Structure formats: structure tokens, C-alpha cells
Amino acid sequence: MTPPSVRPGDRTYLSTAQRSPRSQRPEPPLRNSDVADAELAQAAVRGDPDAFGRLIDQHGLAARRAARAILRDEDDADDAVQEGMLAAWRAIDRYDPARPFRPWLMRIVVNAALDARRRSKVRQAEPIGETIESGGLGPDRMTEASLLRTRVDAALAELPERQRIALVLFDAEGWGHA
């Protein structure tokens, strides 16, 4: 005997034999649009690009809205949708026609958008202002200094020892007289 608040066939009180093993809830039957999507997907698996194009036409706007919600930029969202659609085309043979097409496609597009967001976080950097100078010499100045040092060392090597010592003590060490 069932409690008065429970009606026979109520979803929450189905036996485990009546439930889907994956979700523990009965799977709803496919809608007509899902059946049509599954047929188009099967045609795409057989190599019909027009069938896949019709699927994209049917679900493209929803995919773009999802990508835009994740990325908050229209151009980045369009790029992510394009990457997701390309990934879906490459993986169309792994689509299970017993399941709805739209959630499968949306998962691929959302993953592409999340990947794009992750990549953009790695690339983001703060710009350096024009007024900020670096603490060290740039490569051009380091090269000039190295060339000057080489020429000075060569010129010092040509001087007699006493003149070389006097010049180094006066110029390099700052002595007033040697």
C-alpha cells in the first residue's frame, strides 16, 4: 500500500529497476527536435557538412551567448565558439545519438571558452608607463660601454707603466695628483 501523497508512477518513488543507472532518474524521451538533431549528426558523421552546418545554425546563437557569458567579450566569445564548433566537427563521430545534441555541443563550446579565459589570464600583463625608467642599462648602452672599455684598455696598454698608473689613479680612482 502506498502513502496517500504518493501516486503510482511518481518519479521520486520509482524502483531502481525503473531508473536509469547513470543518473538514478528516468531519462526523458527525446523530443522531436532532438531526434532531428540526432539524424543531422548521423548525417554529419557520414561526411555531410551541410547537416553539421544546419546543426550549427540551430544552436549557434545559444553557444555564442554561453561563450559571451564566460568571456565577457564579443570577439573572444566568437573565437571560442569557432574553436568549439571546430572541435565538435572533429568529434562528431563520438556523439551519442541516444542523447540530446545541444548539451553535448554546449559542453564543447563552454570548454573552449574556459580554455580561452585561462589562456588570457596567463597573457595578461600590466603595461609599463612611459615615465618609468628601468634601473639598468639597456642592451644598446651595455654594448657601447663594452666597446668603450675595450678601446680604453687598448689605449692604456700602449702607455708606459708610470703614465698608466698615474692616469688610472687620477681618472678611475679620483685622486687629485698621483
Foldseek 3Di string as FASTA:
>chain_A
DDDPVDDPPPQVPDDQVQADPPPRTNDDADDPVQLLLLVLLVVLVVPDVVSLVVVCVVQVVVLLVLLCVLQVDNVLSVVLLVVLSVVCSVCSVVDDSRDGDNVVSSVSSNVSSVVSVVVVVVVDDDDDDPPDDDPDDDPVVVVVVVVVVVVVVVVLVPDPPVVSVQCCCCPVVPDPGD
